[in-house]
Amino acid sequence: MTNSTENRSLSELVTGLVGDISGLFRKEIELAKTEASEKMSHALTGVEAFAAGIVLAICAVGVLLAALVNGIGALLVAQGMTEPNADALSSVLVGVVVAFIAWILASRGLKALKGENLKLERTSASLQRDAQIVKDRT
């Protein structure tokens, strides 16, 4: 029984090898696409759950702030203040405190996002060194 590769020329063998390698790469690319699609689907499910959790957390903060306003209002009424005035004052107090906290957090966030903080100094220095080395060698 003769082996079919014994009767083939070198060019046929190379052509077959190139075809096999090409097919292998196509299959690997398809596998990578399929796997990336599955991973992206899984990641999107996680993002959706995270977003829903954030929305519910914001709602919970709103409910807790409303309870805080009512509690402060009840405390002020117990101290002898009229109910409309106690409700107004407690709303203003809670609103001012929350606005102040929000302003501090927003300021801190904006400060962190300034262009100076986002520069890639080490990478830039490394690239400059590499460019200098290449320049010196040529």
N, C-alpha and C. Protein backbone atom coordinates (compact mmCIF):
# COMPACT_ATOMS: atom_id res chain seq x y z
N MET A 1 0.86 -1.16 0.00
CA MET A 1 0.00 0.00 0.00
C MET A 1 0.91 1.22 0.00
N THR A 2 0.71 2.13 -0.96
CA THR A 2 1.57 3.30 -1.06
C THR A 2 0.92 4.47 -0.37
N ASN A 3 1.74 5.28 0.25
CA ASN A 3 1.26 6.48 0.93
C ASN A 3 1.03 7.55 -0.13
N SER A 4 -0.08 8.25 -0.06
CA SER A 4 -0.40 9.24 -1.09
C SER A 4 0.55 10.41 -1.07
N THR A 5 1.19 10.67 0.07
CA THR A 5 2.14 11.79 0.13
C THR A 5 3.45 11.44 -0.55
N GLU A 6 3.76 10.14 -0.73
CA GLU A 6 5.00 9.75 -1.40
C GLU A 6 4.97 10.10 -2.87
N ASN A 7 3.80 10.11 -3.48
CA ASN A 7 3.68 10.38 -4.91
C ASN A 7 3.46 11.85 -5.22
N ARG A 8 3.36 12.69 -4.21
CA ARG A 8 3.10 14.11 -4.44
C ARG A 8 4.41 14.87 -4.50
N SER A 9 4.41 15.94 -5.31
CA SER A 9 5.62 16.74 -5.44
C SER A 9 5.73 17.70 -4.25
N LEU A 10 6.90 18.30 -4.12
CA LEU A 10 7.15 19.23 -3.03
C LEU A 10 6.21 20.43 -3.11
N SER A 11 5.97 20.93 -4.30
CA SER A 11 5.08 22.09 -4.45
C SER A 11 3.65 21.74 -4.04
N GLU A 12 3.22 20.52 -4.34
CA GLU A 12 1.89 20.09 -3.92
C GLU A 12 1.80 19.98 -2.40
N LEU A 13 2.88 19.46 -1.81
CA LEU A 13 2.91 19.34 -0.35
C LEU A 13 2.89 20.71 0.32
N VAL A 14 3.68 21.66 -0.21
CA VAL A 14 3.71 23.02 0.35
C VAL A 14 2.36 23.68 0.17
N THR A 15 1.76 23.52 -0.99
CA THR A 15 0.43 24.09 -1.25
C THR A 15 -0.59 23.51 -0.28
N GLY A 16 -0.53 22.21 -0.06
CA GLY A 16 -1.43 21.57 0.89
C GLY A 16 -1.21 22.08 2.31
N LEU A 17 0.07 22.23 2.66
CA LEU A 17 0.40 22.74 4.00
C LEU A 17 -0.13 24.15 4.18
N VAL A 18 0.07 25.00 3.17
CA VAL A 18 -0.42 26.38 3.25
C VAL A 18 -1.95 26.38 3.36
N GLY A 19 -2.59 25.54 2.61
CA GLY A 19 -4.05 25.44 2.69
C GLY A 19 -4.52 24.98 4.06
N ASP A 20 -3.81 23.99 4.61
CA ASP A 20 -4.17 23.49 5.94
C ASP A 20 -3.97 24.57 7.01
N ILE A 21 -2.83 25.29 6.91
CA ILE A 21 -2.56 26.36 7.88
C ILE A 21 -3.59 27.48 7.74
N SER A 22 -3.92 27.82 6.50
CA SER A 22 -4.93 28.85 6.26
C SER A 22 -6.28 28.44 6.85
N GLY A 23 -6.66 27.19 6.64
CA GLY A 23 -7.91 26.69 7.21
C GLY A 23 -7.89 26.70 8.72
N LEU A 24 -6.74 26.33 9.28
CA LEU A 24 -6.60 26.33 10.74
C LEU A 24 -6.76 27.75 11.29
N PHE A 25 -6.12 28.72 10.64
CA PHE A 25 -6.26 30.12 11.09
C PHE A 25 -7.70 30.60 10.99
N ARG A 26 -8.38 30.24 9.89
CA ARG A 26 -9.79 30.64 9.74
C ARG A 26 -10.64 30.05 10.87
N LYS A 27 -10.39 28.80 11.20
CA LYS A 27 -11.15 28.17 12.28
C LYS A 27 -10.82 28.79 13.62
N GLU A 28 -9.56 29.14 13.84
CA GLU A 28 -9.17 29.79 15.09
C GLU A 28 -9.82 31.17 15.21
N ILE A 29 -9.88 31.89 14.10
CA ILE A 29 -10.52 33.22 14.10
C ILE A 29 -12.01 33.07 14.38
N GLU A 30 -12.65 32.08 13.79
CA GLU A 30 -14.07 31.83 14.06
C GLU A 30 -14.30 31.49 15.53
N LEU A 31 -13.42 30.65 16.07
CA LEU A 31 -13.52 30.29 17.49
C LEU A 31 -13.36 31.54 18.36
N ALA A 32 -12.39 32.38 18.02
CA ALA A 32 -12.17 33.61 18.80
C ALA A 32 -13.40 34.52 18.71
N LYS A 33 -13.99 34.65 17.52
CA LYS A 33 -15.19 35.47 17.37
C LYS A 33 -16.34 34.93 18.21
N THR A 34 -16.53 33.63 18.15
CA THR A 34 -17.61 33.01 18.92
C THR A 34 -17.39 33.19 20.41
N GLU A 35 -16.16 32.96 20.86
CA GLU A 35 -15.85 33.10 22.28
C GLU A 35 -16.01 34.54 22.73
N ALA A 36 -15.54 35.49 21.90
CA ALA A 36 -15.68 36.91 22.25
C ALA A 36 -17.15 37.31 22.33
N SER A 37 -17.96 36.77 21.43
CA SER A 37 -19.39 37.07 21.44
C SER A 37 -20.03 36.54 22.73
N GLU A 38 -19.67 35.34 23.12
CA GLU A 38 -20.21 34.77 24.35
C GLU A 38 -19.78 35.58 25.57
N LYS A 39 -18.50 35.96 25.59
CA LYS A 39 -17.99 36.74 26.72
C LYS A 39 -18.67 38.11 26.77
N MET A 40 -18.88 38.73 25.61
CA MET A 40 -19.54 40.04 25.57
C MET A 40 -20.98 39.93 26.05
N SER A 41 -21.65 38.86 25.67
CA SER A 41 -23.02 38.65 26.13
C SER A 41 -23.06 38.49 27.65
N HIS A 42 -22.11 37.75 28.17
CA HIS A 42 -22.02 37.56 29.63
C HIS A 42 -21.71 38.88 30.32
N ALA A 43 -20.81 39.66 29.73
CA ALA A 43 -20.45 40.96 30.32
C ALA A 43 -21.64 41.91 30.29
N LEU A 44 -22.40 41.90 29.20
CA LEU A 44 -23.57 42.78 29.12
C LEU A 44 -24.62 42.41 30.16
N THR A 45 -24.76 41.13 30.44
CA THR A 45 -25.68 40.71 31.49
C THR A 45 -25.22 41.27 32.83
N GLY A 46 -23.92 41.24 33.08
CA GLY A 46 -23.38 41.81 34.31
C GLY A 46 -23.58 43.30 34.39
N VAL A 47 -23.39 43.99 33.27
CA VAL A 47 -23.59 45.45 33.23
C VAL A 47 -25.05 45.79 33.50
N GLU A 48 -25.96 45.01 32.92
CA GLU A 48 -27.38 45.25 33.15
C GLU A 48 -27.74 45.08 34.62
N ALA A 49 -27.22 44.03 35.25
CA ALA A 49 -27.49 43.79 36.67
C ALA A 49 -26.89 44.91 37.52
N PHE A 50 -25.68 45.34 37.16
CA PHE A 50 -25.03 46.45 37.89
C PHE A 50 -25.85 47.72 37.76
N ALA A 51 -26.32 48.03 36.54
CA ALA A 51 -27.12 49.24 36.32
C ALA A 51 -28.42 49.19 37.12
N ALA A 52 -29.08 48.03 37.13
CA ALA A 52 -30.31 47.89 37.90
C ALA A 52 -30.04 48.08 39.39
N GLY A 53 -28.92 47.55 39.86
CA GLY A 53 -28.54 47.73 41.26
C GLY A 53 -28.29 49.19 41.60
N ILE A 54 -27.64 49.91 40.70
CA ILE A 54 -27.37 51.34 40.91
C ILE A 54 -28.68 52.12 40.97
N VAL A 55 -29.60 51.82 40.06
CA VAL A 55 -30.90 52.51 40.06
C VAL A 55 -31.63 52.27 41.37
N LEU A 56 -31.63 51.03 41.82
CA LEU A 56 -32.31 50.72 43.09
C LEU A 56 -31.60 51.38 44.28
N ALA A 57 -30.27 51.47 44.22
CA ALA A 57 -29.53 52.14 45.29
C ALA A 57 -29.88 53.62 45.34
N ILE A 58 -30.02 54.25 44.19
CA ILE A 58 -30.41 55.67 44.13
C ILE A 58 -31.81 55.84 44.71
N CYS A 59 -32.70 54.93 44.36
CA CYS A 59 -34.06 54.98 44.92
C CYS A 59 -34.03 54.83 46.44
N ALA A 60 -33.20 53.91 46.93
CA ALA A 60 -33.10 53.69 48.37
C ALA A 60 -32.57 54.94 49.07
N VAL A 61 -31.59 55.61 48.47
CA VAL A 61 -31.07 56.85 49.06
C VAL A 61 -32.18 57.91 49.12
N GLY A 62 -32.98 57.99 48.06
CA GLY A 62 -34.10 58.95 48.07
C GLY A 62 -35.09 58.66 49.19
N VAL A 63 -35.41 57.38 49.37
CA VAL A 63 -36.35 57.00 50.44
C VAL A 63 -35.75 57.32 51.81
N LEU A 64 -34.46 57.01 51.98
CA LEU A 64 -33.82 57.29 53.26
C LEU A 64 -33.73 58.80 53.53
N LEU A 65 -33.48 59.59 52.52
CA LEU A 65 -33.46 61.04 52.70
C LEU A 65 -34.85 61.57 53.05
N ALA A 66 -35.88 61.01 52.42
CA ALA A 66 -37.25 61.42 52.76
C ALA A 66 -37.57 61.06 54.21
N ALA A 67 -37.11 59.88 54.63
CA ALA A 67 -37.32 59.48 56.03
C ALA A 67 -36.56 60.40 56.98
N LEU A 68 -35.38 60.83 56.59
CA LEU A 68 -34.60 61.76 57.41
C LEU A 68 -35.31 63.11 57.53
N VAL A 69 -35.86 63.58 56.42
CA VAL A 69 -36.63 64.84 56.45
C VAL A 69 -37.81 64.70 57.39
N ASN A 70 -38.55 63.59 57.29
CA ASN A 70 -39.71 63.37 58.16
C ASN A 70 -39.29 63.26 59.62
N GLY A 71 -38.18 62.58 59.88
CA GLY A 71 -37.71 62.43 61.25
C GLY A 71 -37.30 63.76 61.86
N ILE A 72 -36.55 64.56 61.11
CA ILE A 72 -36.16 65.88 61.61
C ILE A 72 -37.39 66.76 61.81
N GLY A 73 -38.33 66.66 60.87
CA GLY A 73 -39.58 67.42 61.00
C GLY A 73 -40.34 67.04 62.26
N ALA A 74 -40.44 65.74 62.54
CA ALA A 74 -41.13 65.28 63.74
C ALA A 74 -40.41 65.75 65.00
N LEU A 75 -39.08 65.74 64.97
CA LEU A 75 -38.30 66.22 66.11
C LEU A 75 -38.54 67.71 66.35
N LEU A 76 -38.61 68.48 65.28
CA LEU A 76 -38.86 69.92 65.42
C LEU A 76 -40.27 70.20 65.91
N VAL A 77 -41.24 69.39 65.45
CA VAL A 77 -42.62 69.54 65.93
C VAL A 77 -42.67 69.22 67.42
N ALA A 78 -41.94 68.18 67.84
CA ALA A 78 -41.91 67.81 69.26
C ALA A 78 -41.27 68.92 70.11
N GLN A 79 -40.44 69.75 69.50
CA GLN A 79 -39.80 70.85 70.21
C GLN A 79 -40.68 72.10 70.23
N GLY A 80 -41.86 72.04 69.62
CA GLY A 80 -42.81 73.12 69.69
C GLY A 80 -42.97 73.92 68.40
N MET A 81 -42.33 73.53 67.33
CA MET A 81 -42.45 74.24 66.06
C MET A 81 -43.72 73.78 65.35
N THR A 82 -44.32 74.65 64.57
CA THR A 82 -45.51 74.24 63.81
C THR A 82 -45.10 73.26 62.72
N GLU A 83 -46.04 72.42 62.35
CA GLU A 83 -45.72 71.35 61.40
C GLU A 83 -45.26 71.88 60.03
N PRO A 84 -45.95 72.88 59.45
CA PRO A 84 -45.46 73.37 58.15
C PRO A 84 -44.04 73.94 58.23
N ASN A 85 -43.75 74.68 59.29
CA ASN A 85 -42.41 75.25 59.44
C ASN A 85 -41.36 74.15 59.68
N ALA A 86 -41.72 73.15 60.48
CA ALA A 86 -40.80 72.05 60.76
C ALA A 86 -40.50 71.27 59.48
N ASP A 87 -41.52 71.01 58.66
CA ASP A 87 -41.31 70.30 57.40
C ASP A 87 -40.40 71.09 56.46
N ALA A 88 -40.65 72.39 56.36
CA ALA A 88 -39.85 73.24 55.48
C ALA A 88 -38.40 73.30 55.95
N LEU A 89 -38.21 73.53 57.25
CA LEU A 89 -36.86 73.63 57.79
C LEU A 89 -36.09 72.32 57.66
N SER A 90 -36.75 71.20 57.93
CA SER A 90 -36.08 69.91 57.81
C SER A 90 -35.72 69.61 56.35
N SER A 91 -36.59 69.98 55.43
CA SER A 91 -36.28 69.78 54.00
C SER A 91 -35.08 70.62 53.58
N VAL A 92 -35.04 71.88 54.04
CA VAL A 92 -33.92 72.76 53.70
C VAL A 92 -32.62 72.22 54.31
N LEU A 93 -32.67 71.79 55.57
CA LEU A 93 -31.46 71.27 56.22
C LEU A 93 -30.91 70.06 55.48
N VAL A 94 -31.76 69.09 55.21
CA VAL A 94 -31.30 67.88 54.52
C VAL A 94 -30.83 68.23 53.11
N GLY A 95 -31.55 69.10 52.41
CA GLY A 95 -31.16 69.50 51.06
C GLY A 95 -29.80 70.18 51.03
N VAL A 96 -29.55 71.07 51.98
CA VAL A 96 -28.26 71.78 52.02
C VAL A 96 -27.13 70.81 52.33
N VAL A 97 -27.32 69.92 53.28
CA VAL A 97 -26.27 68.95 53.62
C VAL A 97 -25.97 68.04 52.43
N VAL A 98 -27.00 67.53 51.79
CA VAL A 98 -26.79 66.64 50.64
C VAL A 98 -26.14 67.40 49.48
N ALA A 99 -26.56 68.64 49.24
CA ALA A 99 -25.94 69.45 48.18
C ALA A 99 -24.47 69.71 48.48
N PHE A 100 -24.13 69.97 49.74
CA PHE A 100 -22.74 70.21 50.12
C PHE A 100 -21.89 68.95 49.90
N ILE A 101 -22.41 67.80 50.28
CA ILE A 101 -21.69 66.53 50.06
C ILE A 101 -21.52 66.28 48.56
N ALA A 102 -22.58 66.53 47.78
CA ALA A 102 -22.50 66.35 46.33
C ALA A 102 -21.46 67.28 45.72
N TRP A 103 -21.41 68.53 46.19
CA TRP A 103 -20.43 69.50 45.68
C TRP A 103 -19.00 69.04 45.98
N ILE A 104 -18.77 68.53 47.21
CA ILE A 104 -17.44 68.04 47.57
C ILE A 104 -17.04 66.86 46.68
N LEU A 105 -17.94 65.92 46.50
CA LEU A 105 -17.63 64.75 45.67
C LEU A 105 -17.40 65.14 44.22
N ALA A 106 -18.23 66.03 43.68
CA ALA A 106 -18.06 66.47 42.29
C ALA A 106 -16.74 67.22 42.11
N SER A 107 -16.39 68.06 43.06
CA SER A 107 -15.12 68.79 42.98
C SER A 107 -13.94 67.84 43.01
N ARG A 108 -14.00 66.86 43.89
CA ARG A 108 -12.93 65.86 43.98
C ARG A 108 -12.82 65.07 42.68
N GLY A 109 -13.96 64.72 42.10
CA GLY A 109 -13.96 63.98 40.83
C GLY A 109 -13.39 64.81 39.69
N LEU A 110 -13.78 66.08 39.60
CA LEU A 110 -13.26 66.94 38.54
C LEU A 110 -11.76 67.17 38.70
N LYS A 111 -11.31 67.28 39.91
CA LYS A 111 -9.88 67.47 40.16
C LYS A 111 -9.10 66.25 39.69
N ALA A 112 -9.65 65.05 39.92
CA ALA A 112 -8.98 63.82 39.49
C ALA A 112 -8.97 63.69 37.97
N LEU A 113 -9.91 64.33 37.28
CA LEU A 113 -10.01 64.21 35.83
C LEU A 113 -9.26 65.30 35.08
N LYS A 114 -8.56 66.17 35.77
CA LYS A 114 -7.80 67.21 35.09
C LYS A 114 -6.75 66.57 34.20
N GLY A 115 -6.41 67.25 33.12
CA GLY A 115 -5.46 66.72 32.14
C GLY A 115 -4.12 66.36 32.73
N GLU A 116 -3.67 67.10 33.72
CA GLU A 116 -2.36 66.82 34.31
C GLU A 116 -2.33 65.44 34.97
N ASN A 117 -3.44 65.04 35.52
CA ASN A 117 -3.49 63.75 36.21
C ASN A 117 -3.62 62.58 35.24
N LEU A 118 -3.96 62.86 33.97
CA LEU A 118 -4.17 61.80 33.00
C LEU A 118 -2.99 61.61 32.05
N LYS A 119 -1.92 62.39 32.24
CA LYS A 119 -0.75 62.25 31.38
C LYS A 119 -0.06 60.92 31.66
N LEU A 120 0.44 60.33 30.60
CA LEU A 120 1.16 59.06 30.71
C LEU A 120 2.65 59.38 30.77
N GLU A 121 3.09 59.88 31.91
CA GLU A 121 4.46 60.38 32.04
C GLU A 121 5.49 59.27 31.89
N ARG A 122 5.29 58.14 32.54
CA ARG A 122 6.28 57.06 32.46
C ARG A 122 6.35 56.50 31.05
N THR A 123 5.19 56.32 30.41
CA THR A 123 5.17 55.80 29.04
C THR A 123 5.84 56.79 28.10
N SER A 124 5.54 58.07 28.26
CA SER A 124 6.15 59.09 27.42
C SER A 124 7.66 59.11 27.59
N ALA A 125 8.14 59.04 28.82
CA ALA A 125 9.58 59.02 29.07
C ALA A 125 10.22 57.78 28.47
N SER A 126 9.57 56.65 28.59
CA SER A 126 10.09 55.40 28.04
C SER A 126 10.17 55.48 26.52
N LEU A 127 9.13 56.02 25.88
CA LEU A 127 9.14 56.16 24.43
C LEU A 127 10.23 57.12 23.97
N GLN A 128 10.45 58.17 24.72
CA GLN A 128 11.52 59.11 24.37
C GLN A 128 12.88 58.43 24.49
N ARG A 129 13.07 57.63 25.53
CA ARG A 129 14.33 56.89 25.68
C ARG A 129 14.52 55.92 24.52
N ASP A 130 13.46 55.21 24.16
CA ASP A 130 13.54 54.26 23.05
C ASP A 130 13.87 54.98 21.75
N ALA A 131 13.23 56.11 21.52
CA ALA A 131 13.51 56.88 20.30
C ALA A 131 14.95 57.35 20.28
N GLN A 132 15.48 57.76 21.42
CA GLN A 132 16.86 58.20 21.49
C GLN A 132 17.82 57.05 21.22
N ILE A 133 17.50 55.87 21.75
CA ILE A 133 18.36 54.70 21.51
C ILE A 133 18.38 54.36 20.03
N VAL A 134 17.20 54.36 19.40
CA VAL A 134 17.13 54.06 17.96
C VAL A 134 17.89 55.12 17.18
N LYS A 135 17.77 56.37 17.57
CA LYS A 135 18.44 57.46 16.89
C LYS A 135 19.97 57.33 17.03
N ASP A 136 20.43 56.93 18.21
CA ASP A 136 21.86 56.76 18.44
C ASP A 136 22.43 55.60 17.64
N ARG A 137 21.66 54.56 17.43
CA ARG A 137 22.14 53.37 16.72
C ARG A 137 22.11 53.53 15.21
N THR A 138 21.38 54.51 14.73
CA THR A 138 21.30 54.69 13.27
C THR A 138 22.20 55.77 12.77
